[in-house]
Amino acid sequence: MRFLKVIGFIVLFCFLISPLHAQRILLVEKSGKFKNFKYFVGDDISLRLKAGNEKHRGTIHEITDSSILINFDNEILLSEIGMILKPRWGWSLLSNVTRIAGLGYMALDIVNNTINNSAPIVDESTLLIGAGMVAFSYAILPLHNRQLKKGKKWRIKVLNFSLDDEPPNPFQQEKP
């Protein structure tokens, strides 16, 4: 009897989880390759439009067949998207670490020379090393985001796994 309860629970669980997993996915894929990035509702996204090079950043709240809704106020058509900016955590981390290390190195040397009453408070070699590290941290700022330009290499499409007949329109008014 216990075995039948367990089997019944597993079957019920499968039926309950099935509708929860059906959804729409924004897919950014490289043509002819297996390289792709998937965005779901609730994911953060950063993108630029074709016209005007306007940048949008925020949380995806709705994905329809032809558009996405960002931050409940920006509906962007897929045909208007010029590129998607994918953050690279390694370059961001390196930039932050070198900036903090350069400033910290200069601050420690200044404090040390002040305590010891040394003649030049800021040593020339310390200034060159610290300023070089800070300059390097700002020089790698363009590498923080990977640019996935829509065109020959990358394409953007929506995978629809939902069971809805008609995609929801977030701006449509309900009729009383």
Foldseek 3Di string as FASTA:
>chain_A
DVVVVVVVVVVVVVVVCVQVPFFKWKWKAFPPDPDIDIDGQQDWWWFFWPPPRDIDTAGWHFDFQFWTQGPNPDTGGQVGTFKTWAFDVVLLVQLVVLLCVLVVQQVVQLVVCVVVVPDDSGDPVSNVSSVVSNVVSVVCVVVRIDIGGDDNTIHIGMDGRHPDPHGDDSPDDDDD
